[in-house]
Amino acid sequence: EAGLDWIAGEVVALPDAHGTLKIPHMGWNDLVIDAPDHPLFAGIASGEHAYFVHSYHYECADQANVLAHVEYGGEVAAAIGRDNLFGTQFHPEKSQSVGLRLISNFLKWRP
């Protein structure tokens, strides 16, 4: 199905080239913050953990829209955005202190 196309790309299945990954992916991963100056990542550093439950991920047409990623069978976008749009692949509400910080930053964000 077509999406809204606000951020160009496509939803694809998680890569599992060797058949060794657990899919759906459920668990904690280390975030790699690709846009450390983005206000929503204030107080969140690369290496902090976020909680994921998914079998698919979003591949952005423009890598500049990938704000954070994780390694799971390759690079998987963890957060994407542009302008006043922002979305996460992980579950902030289940990601403990990282999630609480992200939600707090979001509530204060004035793009």
PDB file of N, CA and C in Angstrom:
ATOM      1  N   GLU A   1       0.828  -1.177   0.000  1.00  0.00           N
ATOM      2  CA  GLU A   1       0.000   0.000   0.000  1.00  0.00           C
ATOM      3  C   GLU A   1       0.879   1.250   0.000  1.00  0.00           C
ATOM      4  N   ALA A   2       0.430   2.256  -0.665  1.00  0.00           N
ATOM      5  CA  ALA A   2       1.155   3.525  -0.698  1.00  0.00           C
ATOM      6  C   ALA A   2       0.947   4.258   0.618  1.00  0.00           C
ATOM      7  N   GLY A   3       1.993   4.908   1.073  1.00  0.00           N
ATOM      8  CA  GLY A   3       1.900   5.725   2.276  1.00  0.00           C
ATOM      9  C   GLY A   3       1.641   7.174   1.895  1.00  0.00           C
ATOM     10  N   LEU A   4       1.883   8.064   2.803  1.00  0.00           N
ATOM     11  CA  LEU A   4       1.657   9.487   2.566  1.00  0.00           C
ATOM     12  C   LEU A   4       2.788  10.130   1.777  1.00  0.00           C
ATOM     13  N   ASP A   5       3.948   9.463   1.712  1.00  0.00           N
ATOM     14  CA  ASP A   5       5.114   9.938   0.956  1.00  0.00           C
ATOM     15  C   ASP A   5       5.629  11.285   1.454  1.00  0.00           C
ATOM     16  N   TRP A   6       5.474  11.540   2.750  1.00  0.00           N
ATOM     17  CA  TRP A   6       6.013  12.760   3.332  1.00  0.00           C
ATOM     18  C   TRP A   6       7.525  12.679   3.436  1.00  0.00           C
ATOM     19  N   ILE A   7       8.041  11.463   3.646  1.00  0.00           N
ATOM     20  CA  ILE A   7       9.476  11.203   3.626  1.00  0.00           C
ATOM     21  C   ILE A   7       9.662  10.048   2.649  1.00  0.00           C
ATOM     22  N   ALA A   8      10.278  10.325   1.517  1.00  0.00           N
ATOM     23  CA  ALA A   8      10.381   9.335   0.442  1.00  0.00           C
ATOM     24  C   ALA A   8      11.170   8.111   0.882  1.00  0.00           C
ATOM     25  N   GLY A   9      10.705   6.946   0.471  1.00  0.00           N
ATOM     26  CA  GLY A   9      11.362   5.685   0.779  1.00  0.00           C
ATOM     27  C   GLY A   9      10.370   4.550   0.674  1.00  0.00           C
ATOM     28  N   GLU A  10      10.749   3.412   1.254  1.00  0.00           N
ATOM     29  CA  GLU A  10       9.846   2.266   1.220  1.00  0.00           C
ATOM     30  C   GLU A  10      10.027   1.380   2.436  1.00  0.00           C
ATOM     31  N   VAL A  11       8.961   0.693   2.784  1.00  0.00           N
ATOM     32  CA  VAL A  11       8.980  -0.266   3.881  1.00  0.00           C
ATOM     33  C   VAL A  11       9.434  -1.604   3.314  1.00  0.00           C
ATOM     34  N   VAL A  12      10.447  -2.201   3.952  1.00  0.00           N
ATOM     35  CA  VAL A  12      10.984  -3.478   3.489  1.00  0.00           C
ATOM     36  C   VAL A  12      11.174  -4.412   4.685  1.00  0.00           C
ATOM     37  N   ALA A  13      11.222  -5.709   4.404  1.00  0.00           N
ATOM     38  CA  ALA A  13      11.460  -6.696   5.453  1.00  0.00           C
ATOM     39  C   ALA A  13      12.878  -6.528   6.004  1.00  0.00           C
ATOM     40  N   LEU A  14      13.041  -6.843   7.277  1.00  0.00           N
ATOM     41  CA  LEU A  14      14.379  -6.807   7.860  1.00  0.00           C
ATOM     42  C   LEU A  14      15.302  -7.746   7.095  1.00  0.00           C
ATOM     43  N   PRO A  15      16.540  -7.338   6.867  1.00  0.00           N
ATOM     44  CA  PRO A  15      17.470  -8.205   6.134  1.00  0.00           C
ATOM     45  C   PRO A  15      17.937  -9.373   7.008  1.00  0.00           C
ATOM     46  N   ASP A  16      17.952 -10.556   6.434  1.00  0.00           N
ATOM     47  CA  ASP A  16      18.459 -11.742   7.133  1.00  0.00           C
ATOM     48  C   ASP A  16      19.164 -12.628   6.121  1.00  0.00           C
ATOM     49  N   ALA A  17      20.263 -12.120   5.594  1.00  0.00           N
ATOM     50  CA  ALA A  17      20.991 -12.783   4.515  1.00  0.00           C
ATOM     51  C   ALA A  17      21.456 -14.182   4.884  1.00  0.00           C
ATOM     52  N   HIS A  18      21.735 -14.432   6.161  1.00  0.00           N
ATOM     53  CA  HIS A  18      22.286 -15.726   6.569  1.00  0.00           C
ATOM     54  C   HIS A  18      21.280 -16.599   7.317  1.00  0.00           C
ATOM     55  N   GLY A  19      20.061 -16.114   7.481  1.00  0.00           N
ATOM     56  CA  GLY A  19      19.044 -16.886   8.180  1.00  0.00           C
ATOM     57  C   GLY A  19      19.326 -17.080   9.661  1.00  0.00           C
ATOM     58  N   THR A  20      20.057 -16.159  10.275  1.00  0.00           N
ATOM     59  CA  THR A  20      20.448 -16.322  11.672  1.00  0.00           C
ATOM     60  C   THR A  20      19.770 -15.335  12.620  1.00  0.00           C
ATOM     61  N   LEU A  21      19.059 -14.352  12.081  1.00  0.00           N
ATOM     62  CA  LEU A  21      18.427 -13.344  12.928  1.00  0.00           C
ATOM     63  C   LEU A  21      17.060 -13.807  13.408  1.00  0.00           C
ATOM     64  N   LYS A  22      16.691 -13.366  14.603  1.00  0.00           N
ATOM     65  CA  LYS A  22      15.339 -13.596  15.094  1.00  0.00           C
ATOM     66  C   LYS A  22      14.433 -12.536  14.482  1.00  0.00           C
ATOM     67  N   ILE A  23      13.420 -12.998  13.774  1.00  0.00           N
ATOM     68  CA  ILE A  23      12.443 -12.086  13.187  1.00  0.00           C
ATOM     69  C   ILE A  23      11.058 -12.626  13.526  1.00  0.00           C
ATOM     70  N   PRO A  24      10.189 -11.849  14.167  1.00  0.00           N
ATOM     71  CA  PRO A  24      10.364 -10.428  14.387  1.00  0.00           C
ATOM     72  C   PRO A  24      11.477 -10.132  15.380  1.00  0.00           C
ATOM     73  N   HIS A  25      12.117  -8.998  15.149  1.00  0.00           N
ATOM     74  CA  HIS A  25      13.158  -8.500  16.046  1.00  0.00           C
ATOM     75  C   HIS A  25      12.458  -7.932  17.276  1.00  0.00           C
ATOM     76  N   MET A  26      12.766  -8.500  18.423  1.00  0.00           N
ATOM     77  CA  MET A  26      12.195  -8.025  19.682  1.00  0.00           C
ATOM     78  C   MET A  26      13.329  -7.891  20.676  1.00  0.00           C
ATOM     79  N   GLY A  27      13.576  -6.674  21.121  1.00  0.00           N
ATOM     80  CA  GLY A  27      14.616  -6.491  22.112  1.00  0.00           C
ATOM     81  C   GLY A  27      15.281  -5.140  22.037  1.00  0.00           C
ATOM     82  N   TRP A  28      16.365  -5.035  22.794  1.00  0.00           N
ATOM     83  CA  TRP A  28      17.104  -3.795  22.963  1.00  0.00           C
ATOM     84  C   TRP A  28      18.248  -3.703  21.963  1.00  0.00           C
ATOM     85  N   ASN A  29      18.439  -2.526  21.414  1.00  0.00           N
ATOM     86  CA  ASN A  29      19.565  -2.256  20.528  1.00  0.00           C
ATOM     87  C   ASN A  29      20.200  -0.926  20.888  1.00  0.00           C
ATOM     88  N   ASP A  30      21.513  -0.829  20.618  1.00  0.00           N
ATOM     89  CA  ASP A  30      22.247   0.418  20.818  1.00  0.00           C
ATOM     90  C   ASP A  30      21.921   1.385  19.683  1.00  0.00           C
ATOM     91  N   LEU A  31      21.466   2.561  20.036  1.00  0.00           N
ATOM     92  CA  LEU A  31      21.212   3.594  19.041  1.00  0.00           C
ATOM     93  C   LEU A  31      22.522   4.201  18.553  1.00  0.00           C
ATOM     94  N   VAL A  32      22.584   4.499  17.274  1.00  0.00           N
ATOM     95  CA  VAL A  32      23.654   5.303  16.696  1.00  0.00           C
ATOM     96  C   VAL A  32      22.969   6.579  16.229  1.00  0.00           C
ATOM     97  N   ILE A  33      23.262   7.675  16.894  1.00  0.00           N
ATOM     98  CA  ILE A  33      22.614   8.946  16.579  1.00  0.00           C
ATOM     99  C   ILE A  33      23.352   9.578  15.399  1.00  0.00           C
ATOM    100  N   ASP A  34      22.663   9.680  14.272  1.00  0.00           N
ATOM    101  CA  ASP A  34      23.251  10.249  13.058  1.00  0.00           C
ATOM    102  C   ASP A  34      23.064  11.759  12.981  1.00  0.00           C
ATOM    103  N   ALA A  35      22.145  12.295  13.780  1.00  0.00           N
ATOM    104  CA  ALA A  35      21.881  13.739  13.810  1.00  0.00           C
ATOM    105  C   ALA A  35      21.928  14.212  15.260  1.00  0.00           C
ATOM    106  N   PRO A  36      23.135  14.229  15.856  1.00  0.00           N
ATOM    107  CA  PRO A  36      23.237  14.543  17.289  1.00  0.00           C
ATOM    108  C   PRO A  36      22.767  15.946  17.654  1.00  0.00           C
ATOM    109  N   ASP A  37      22.683  16.848  16.684  1.00  0.00           N
ATOM    110  CA  ASP A  37      22.230  18.213  16.967  1.00  0.00           C
ATOM    111  C   ASP A  37      20.718  18.375  16.873  1.00  0.00           C
ATOM    112  N   HIS A  38      20.014  17.311  16.474  1.00  0.00           N
ATOM    113  CA  HIS A  38      18.555  17.406  16.387  1.00  0.00           C
ATOM    114  C   HIS A  38      18.006  17.588  17.801  1.00  0.00           C
ATOM    115  N   PRO A  39      17.095  18.548  18.004  1.00  0.00           N
ATOM    116  CA  PRO A  39      16.604  18.827  19.356  1.00  0.00           C
ATOM    117  C   PRO A  39      15.924  17.636  20.036  1.00  0.00           C
ATOM    118  N   LEU A  40      15.399  16.711  19.290  1.00  0.00           N
ATOM    119  CA  LEU A  40      14.744  15.564  19.914  1.00  0.00           C
ATOM    120  C   LEU A  40      15.737  14.582  20.525  1.00  0.00           C
ATOM    121  N   PHE A  41      17.021  14.703  20.159  1.00  0.00           N
ATOM    122  CA  PHE A  41      18.048  13.834  20.738  1.00  0.00           C
ATOM    123  C   PHE A  41      18.848  14.522  21.839  1.00  0.00           C
ATOM    124  N   ALA A  42      18.398  15.686  22.291  1.00  0.00           N
ATOM    125  CA  ALA A  42      19.089  16.374  23.385  1.00  0.00           C
ATOM    126  C   ALA A  42      19.142  15.452  24.602  1.00  0.00           C
ATOM    127  N   GLY A  43      20.329  15.218  25.118  1.00  0.00           N
ATOM    128  CA  GLY A  43      20.492  14.354  26.283  1.00  0.00           C
ATOM    129  C   GLY A  43      20.493  12.866  25.980  1.00  0.00           C
ATOM    130  N   ILE A  44      20.471  12.507  24.694  1.00  0.00           N
ATOM    131  CA  ILE A  44      20.518  11.097  24.283  1.00  0.00           C
ATOM    132  C   ILE A  44      21.781  10.907  23.451  1.00  0.00           C
ATOM    133  N   ALA A  45      22.589   9.929  23.811  1.00  0.00           N
ATOM    134  CA  ALA A  45      23.870   9.708  23.132  1.00  0.00           C
ATOM    135  C   ALA A  45      23.876   8.386  22.380  1.00  0.00           C
ATOM    136  N   SER A  46      24.710   8.314  21.367  1.00  0.00           N
ATOM    137  CA  SER A  46      24.933   7.029  20.699  1.00  0.00           C
ATOM    138  C   SER A  46      25.355   6.009  21.748  1.00  0.00           C
ATOM    139  N   GLY A  47      24.875   4.800  21.593  1.00  0.00           N
ATOM    140  CA  GLY A  47      25.194   3.731  22.523  1.00  0.00           C
ATOM    141  C   GLY A  47      24.093   3.483  23.545  1.00  0.00           C
ATOM    142  N   GLU A  48      23.188   4.448  23.698  1.00  0.00           N
ATOM    143  CA  GLU A  48      22.068   4.221  24.612  1.00  0.00           C
ATOM    144  C   GLU A  48      21.082   3.267  23.948  1.00  0.00           C
ATOM    145  N   HIS A  49      20.302   2.575  24.770  1.00  0.00           N
ATOM    146  CA  HIS A  49      19.440   1.497  24.285  1.00  0.00           C
ATOM    147  C   HIS A  49      17.998   1.945  24.044  1.00  0.00           C
ATOM    148  N   ALA A  50      17.390   1.370  23.019  1.00  0.00           N
ATOM    149  CA  ALA A  50      15.969   1.557  22.729  1.00  0.00           C
ATOM    150  C   ALA A  50      15.360   0.182  22.471  1.00  0.00           C
ATOM    151  N   TYR A  51      14.054   0.068  22.694  1.00  0.00           N
ATOM    152  CA  TYR A  51      13.365  -1.218  22.579  1.00  0.00           C
ATOM    153  C   TYR A  51      12.608  -1.304  21.255  1.00  0.00           C
ATOM    154  N   PHE A  52      12.832  -2.409  20.538  1.00  0.00           N
ATOM    155  CA  PHE A  52      12.245  -2.637  19.218  1.00  0.00           C
ATOM    156  C   PHE A  52      11.362  -3.878  19.219  1.00  0.00           C
ATOM    157  N   VAL A  53      10.290  -3.820  18.439  1.00  0.00           N
ATOM    158  CA  VAL A  53       9.457  -4.987  18.111  1.00  0.00           C
ATOM    159  C   VAL A  53       9.004  -4.763  16.675  1.00  0.00           C
ATOM    160  N   HIS A  54       9.641  -5.451  15.714  1.00  0.00           N
ATOM    161  CA  HIS A  54       9.285  -5.222  14.316  1.00  0.00           C
ATOM    162  C   HIS A  54       9.861  -6.301  13.408  1.00  0.00           C
ATOM    163  N   SER A  55       9.253  -6.427  12.237  1.00  0.00           N
ATOM    164  CA  SER A  55       9.726  -7.339  11.188  1.00  0.00           C
ATOM    165  C   SER A  55      10.107  -6.577   9.922  1.00  0.00           C
ATOM    166  N   TYR A  56       9.722  -5.318   9.860  1.00  0.00           N
ATOM    167  CA  TYR A  56       9.970  -4.472   8.700  1.00  0.00           C
ATOM    168  C   TYR A  56      10.641  -3.188   9.159  1.00  0.00           C
ATOM    169  N   HIS A  57      11.225  -2.474   8.221  1.00  0.00           N
ATOM    170  CA  HIS A  57      11.816  -1.175   8.530  1.00  0.00           C
ATOM    171  C   HIS A  57      11.694  -0.263   7.329  1.00  0.00           C
ATOM    172  N   TYR A  58      11.953   1.012   7.554  1.00  0.00           N
ATOM    173  CA  TYR A  58      11.815   2.009   6.500  1.00  0.00           C
ATOM    174  C   TYR A  58      13.173   2.338   5.914  1.00  0.00           C
ATOM    175  N   GLU A  59      13.286   2.241   4.609  1.00  0.00           N
ATOM    176  CA  GLU A  59      14.504   2.641   3.904  1.00  0.00           C
ATOM    177  C   GLU A  59      14.238   3.994   3.262  1.00  0.00           C
ATOM    178  N   CYS A  60      14.873   5.017   3.787  1.00  0.00           N
ATOM    179  CA  CYS A  60      14.709   6.376   3.258  1.00  0.00           C
ATOM    180  C   CYS A  60      15.401   6.513   1.907  1.00  0.00           C
ATOM    181  N   ALA A  61      14.746   7.199   0.993  1.00  0.00           N
ATOM    182  CA  ALA A  61      15.364   7.478  -0.301  1.00  0.00           C
ATOM    183  C   ALA A  61      16.544   8.434  -0.129  1.00  0.00           C
ATOM    184  N   ASP A  62      16.449   9.327   0.848  1.00  0.00           N
ATOM    185  CA  ASP A  62      17.511  10.291   1.132  1.00  0.00           C
ATOM    186  C   ASP A  62      18.074   9.976   2.515  1.00  0.00           C
ATOM    187  N   GLN A  63      19.319   9.531   2.587  1.00  0.00           N
ATOM    188  CA  GLN A  63      19.950   9.156   3.863  1.00  0.00           C
ATOM    189  C   GLN A  63      19.983  10.307   4.854  1.00  0.00           C
ATOM    190  N   ALA A  64      19.869  11.542   4.374  1.00  0.00           N
ATOM    191  CA  ALA A  64      19.843  12.695   5.276  1.00  0.00           C
ATOM    192  C   ALA A  64      18.613  12.659   6.182  1.00  0.00           C
ATOM    193  N   ASN A  65      17.592  11.898   5.808  1.00  0.00           N
ATOM    194  CA  ASN A  65      16.384  11.773   6.622  1.00  0.00           C
ATOM    195  C   ASN A  65      16.513  10.734   7.719  1.00  0.00           C
ATOM    196  N   VAL A  66      17.601   9.955   7.714  1.00  0.00           N
ATOM    197  CA  VAL A  66      17.849   8.981   8.780  1.00  0.00           C
ATOM    198  C   VAL A  66      18.539   9.723   9.913  1.00  0.00           C
ATOM    199  N   LEU A  67      17.849   9.854  11.029  1.00  0.00           N
ATOM    200  CA  LEU A  67      18.375  10.616  12.163  1.00  0.00           C
ATOM    201  C   LEU A  67      19.080   9.731  13.174  1.00  0.00           C
ATOM    202  N   ALA A  68      18.741   8.441  13.194  1.00  0.00           N
ATOM    203  CA  ALA A  68      19.403   7.467  14.059  1.00  0.00           C
ATOM    204  C   ALA A  68      19.196   6.091  13.446  1.00  0.00           C
ATOM    205  N   HIS A  69      20.141   5.197  13.713  1.00  0.00           N
ATOM    206  CA  HIS A  69      19.999   3.832  13.210  1.00  0.00           C
ATOM    207  C   HIS A  69      20.528   2.842  14.239  1.00  0.00           C
ATOM    208  N   VAL A  70      20.263   1.570  13.992  1.00  0.00           N
ATOM    209  CA  VAL A  70      20.817   0.470  14.775  1.00  0.00           C
ATOM    210  C   VAL A  70      21.364  -0.556  13.797  1.00  0.00           C
ATOM    211  N   GLU A  71      22.161  -1.461  14.317  1.00  0.00           N
ATOM    212  CA  GLU A  71      22.672  -2.579  13.516  1.00  0.00           C
ATOM    213  C   GLU A  71      21.841  -3.808  13.851  1.00  0.00           C
ATOM    214  N   TYR A  72      21.162  -4.345  12.847  1.00  0.00           N
ATOM    215  CA  TYR A  72      20.427  -5.600  13.006  1.00  0.00           C
ATOM    216  C   TYR A  72      20.367  -6.255  11.633  1.00  0.00           C
ATOM    217  N   GLY A  73      21.377  -7.041  11.314  1.00  0.00           N
ATOM    218  CA  GLY A  73      21.483  -7.610   9.977  1.00  0.00           C
ATOM    219  C   GLY A  73      21.879  -6.569   8.953  1.00  0.00           C
ATOM    220  N   GLY A  74      22.411  -5.462   9.401  1.00  0.00           N
ATOM    221  CA  GLY A  74      22.746  -4.307   8.582  1.00  0.00           C
ATOM    222  C   GLY A  74      22.180  -3.072   9.258  1.00  0.00           C
ATOM    223  N   GLU A  75      22.389  -1.925   8.640  1.00  0.00           N
ATOM    224  CA  GLU A  75      21.862  -0.685   9.216  1.00  0.00           C
ATOM    225  C   GLU A  75      20.352  -0.638   9.048  1.00  0.00           C
ATOM    226  N   VAL A  76      19.667  -0.361  10.152  1.00  0.00           N
ATOM    227  CA  VAL A  76      18.211  -0.242  10.166  1.00  0.00           C
ATOM    228  C   VAL A  76      17.877   1.125  10.754  1.00  0.00           C
ATOM    229  N   ALA A  77      17.089   1.914  10.033  1.00  0.00           N
ATOM    230  CA  ALA A  77      16.697   3.229  10.536  1.00  0.00           C
ATOM    231  C   ALA A  77      15.935   3.074  11.844  1.00  0.00           C
ATOM    232  N   ALA A  78      16.362   3.817  12.854  1.00  0.00           N
ATOM    233  CA  ALA A  78      15.686   3.812  14.152  1.00  0.00           C
ATOM    234  C   ALA A  78      14.827   5.060  14.319  1.00  0.00           C
ATOM    235  N   ALA A  79      15.225   6.156  13.677  1.00  0.00           N
ATOM    236  CA  ALA A  79      14.454   7.398  13.709  1.00  0.00           C
ATOM    237  C   ALA A  79      14.673   8.121  12.389  1.00  0.00           C
ATOM    238  N   ILE A  80      13.596   8.645  11.844  1.00  0.00           N
ATOM    239  CA  ILE A  80      13.674   9.398  10.593  1.00  0.00           C
ATOM    240  C   ILE A  80      12.953  10.725  10.773  1.00  0.00           C
ATOM    241  N   GLY A  81      13.297  11.692   9.930  1.00  0.00           N
ATOM    242  CA  GLY A  81      12.595  12.959  10.002  1.00  0.00           C
ATOM    243  C   GLY A  81      13.120  13.959   9.009  1.00  0.00           C
ATOM    244  N   ARG A  82      12.360  15.008   8.866  1.00  0.00           N
ATOM    245  CA  ARG A  82      12.739  16.197   8.101  1.00  0.00           C
ATOM    246  C   ARG A  82      11.755  17.298   8.479  1.00  0.00           C
ATOM    247  N   ASP A  83      12.206  18.518   8.415  1.00  0.00           N
ATOM    248  CA  ASP A  83      11.378  19.666   8.782  1.00  0.00           C
ATOM    249  C   ASP A  83      10.727  19.416  10.142  1.00  0.00           C
ATOM    250  N   ASN A  84       9.406  19.436  10.195  1.00  0.00           N
ATOM    251  CA  ASN A  84       8.706  19.219  11.464  1.00  0.00           C
ATOM    252  C   ASN A  84       8.143  17.804  11.578  1.00  0.00           C
ATOM    253  N   LEU A  85       8.662  16.864  10.788  1.00  0.00           N
ATOM    254  CA  LEU A  85       8.234  15.468  10.827  1.00  0.00           C
ATOM    255  C   LEU A  85       9.280  14.633  11.555  1.00  0.00           C
ATOM    256  N   PHE A  86       8.833  13.699  12.362  1.00  0.00           N
ATOM    257  CA  PHE A  86       9.743  12.832  13.097  1.00  0.00           C
ATOM    258  C   PHE A  86       9.027  11.528  13.395  1.00  0.00           C
ATOM    259  N   GLY A  87       9.725  10.416  13.219  1.00  0.00           N
ATOM    260  CA  GLY A  87       9.150   9.111  13.548  1.00  0.00           C
ATOM    261  C   GLY A  87      10.229   8.166  14.024  1.00  0.00           C
ATOM    262  N   THR A  88       9.822   7.198  14.846  1.00  0.00           N
ATOM    263  CA  THR A  88      10.766   6.206  15.354  1.00  0.00           C
ATOM    264  C   THR A  88      10.319   4.811  14.973  1.00  0.00           C
ATOM    265  N   GLN A  89      11.287   3.947  14.773  1.00  0.00           N
ATOM    266  CA  GLN A  89      11.020   2.530  14.566  1.00  0.00           C
ATOM    267  C   GLN A  89      10.904   1.830  15.916  1.00  0.00           C
ATOM    268  N   PHE A  90      11.619   2.341  16.905  1.00  0.00           N
ATOM    269  CA  PHE A  90      11.574   1.751  18.241  1.00  0.00           C
ATOM    270  C   PHE A  90      10.375   2.304  19.009  1.00  0.00           C
ATOM    271  N   HIS A  91      10.126   1.732  20.161  1.00  0.00           N
ATOM    272  CA  HIS A  91       9.002   2.127  21.003  1.00  0.00           C
ATOM    273  C   HIS A  91       9.502   3.031  22.132  1.00  0.00           C
ATOM    274  N   PRO A  92       9.326   4.352  22.016  1.00  0.00           N
ATOM    275  CA  PRO A  92       9.780   5.233  23.090  1.00  0.00           C
ATOM    276  C   PRO A  92       9.115   4.892  24.431  1.00  0.00           C
ATOM    277  N   GLU A  93       7.852   4.534  24.388  1.00  0.00           N
ATOM    278  CA  GLU A  93       7.117   4.266  25.634  1.00  0.00           C
ATOM    279  C   GLU A  93       7.627   3.038  26.365  1.00  0.00           C
ATOM    280  N   LYS A  94       8.417   2.197  25.693  1.00  0.00           N
ATOM    281  CA  LYS A  94       8.990   1.004  26.318  1.00  0.00           C
ATOM    282  C   LYS A  94      10.499   1.113  26.487  1.00  0.00           C
ATOM    283  N   SER A  95      11.059   2.263  26.115  1.00  0.00           N
ATOM    284  CA  SER A  95      12.507   2.419  26.089  1.00  0.00           C
ATOM    285  C   SER A  95      13.066   3.118  27.319  1.00  0.00           C
ATOM    286  N   GLN A  96      12.376   3.037  28.415  1.00  0.00           N
ATOM    287  CA  GLN A  96      12.823   3.533  29.718  1.00  0.00           C
ATOM    288  C   GLN A  96      13.337   4.965  29.648  1.00  0.00           C
ATOM    289  N   SER A  97      14.515   5.247  30.198  1.00  0.00           N
ATOM    290  CA  SER A  97      14.984   6.638  30.314  1.00  0.00           C
ATOM    291  C   SER A  97      15.192   7.296  28.950  1.00  0.00           C
ATOM    292  N   VAL A  98      15.645   6.532  27.951  1.00  0.00           N
ATOM    293  CA  VAL A  98      15.822   7.088  26.603  1.00  0.00           C
ATOM    294  C   VAL A  98      14.465   7.512  26.046  1.00  0.00           C
ATOM    295  N   GLY A  99      13.483   6.665  26.195  1.00  0.00           N
ATOM    296  CA  GLY A  99      12.142   6.983  25.705  1.00  0.00           C
ATOM    297  C   GLY A  99      11.524   8.161  26.419  1.00  0.00           C
ATOM    298  N   LEU A 100      11.701   8.213  27.741  1.00  0.00           N
ATOM    299  CA  LEU A 100      11.155   9.343  28.497  1.00  0.00           C
ATOM    300  C   LEU A 100      11.812  10.651  28.073  1.00  0.00           C
ATOM    301  N   ARG A 101      13.122  10.609  27.830  1.00  0.00           N
ATOM    302  CA  ARG A 101      13.833  11.809  27.384  1.00  0.00           C
ATOM    303  C   ARG A 101      13.332  12.241  26.009  1.00  0.00           C
ATOM    304  N   LEU A 102      13.178  11.279  25.089  1.00  0.00           N
ATOM    305  CA  LEU A 102      12.705  11.590  23.742  1.00  0.00           C
ATOM    306  C   LEU A 102      11.305  12.190  23.794  1.00  0.00           C
ATOM    307  N   ILE A 103      10.420  11.610  24.566  1.00  0.00           N
ATOM    308  CA  ILE A 103       9.054  12.130  24.683  1.00  0.00           C
ATOM    309  C   ILE A 103       9.072  13.534  25.281  1.00  0.00           C
ATOM    310  N   SER A 104       9.878  13.741  26.307  1.00  0.00           N
ATOM    311  CA  SER A 104       9.999  15.070  26.912  1.00  0.00           C
ATOM    312  C   SER A 104      10.518  16.085  25.893  1.00  0.00           C
ATOM    313  N   ASN A 105      11.545  15.703  25.144  1.00  0.00           N
ATOM    314  CA  ASN A 105      12.081  16.593  24.108  1.00  0.00           C
ATOM    315  C   ASN A 105      11.022  16.908  23.061  1.00  0.00           C
ATOM    316  N   PHE A 106      10.227  15.902  22.692  1.00  0.00           N
ATOM    317  CA  PHE A 106       9.184  16.091  21.692  1.00  0.00           C
ATOM    318  C   PHE A 106       8.132  17.099  22.173  1.00  0.00           C
ATOM    319  N   LEU A 107       7.756  16.976  23.442  1.00  0.00           N
ATOM    320  CA  LEU A 107       6.738  17.874  23.982  1.00  0.00           C
ATOM    321  C   LEU A 107       7.217  19.327  24.054  1.00  0.00           C
ATOM    322  N   LYS A 108       8.537  19.521  24.145  1.00  0.00           N
ATOM    323  CA  LYS A 108       9.114  20.865  24.202  1.00  0.00           C
ATOM    324  C   LYS A 108       9.500  21.406  22.827  1.00  0.00           C
ATOM    325  N   TRP A 109       9.493  20.542  21.818  1.00  0.00           N
ATOM    326  CA  TRP A 109      10.005  20.880  20.482  1.00  0.00           C
ATOM    327  C   TRP A 109       9.111  21.916  19.800  1.00  0.00           C
ATOM    328  N   ARG A 110       9.723  22.951  19.286  1.00  0.00           N
ATOM    329  CA  ARG A 110       9.024  23.982  18.527  1.00  0.00           C
ATOM    330  C   ARG A 110       9.761  24.196  17.210  1.00  0.00           C
ATOM    331  N   PRO A 111       9.488  23.328  16.214  1.00  0.00           N
ATOM    332  CA  PRO A 111      10.225  23.449  14.935  1.00  0.00           C
ATOM    333  C   PRO A 111       9.893  24.726  14.175  1.00  0.00           C
TER     334      PRO A 111
END
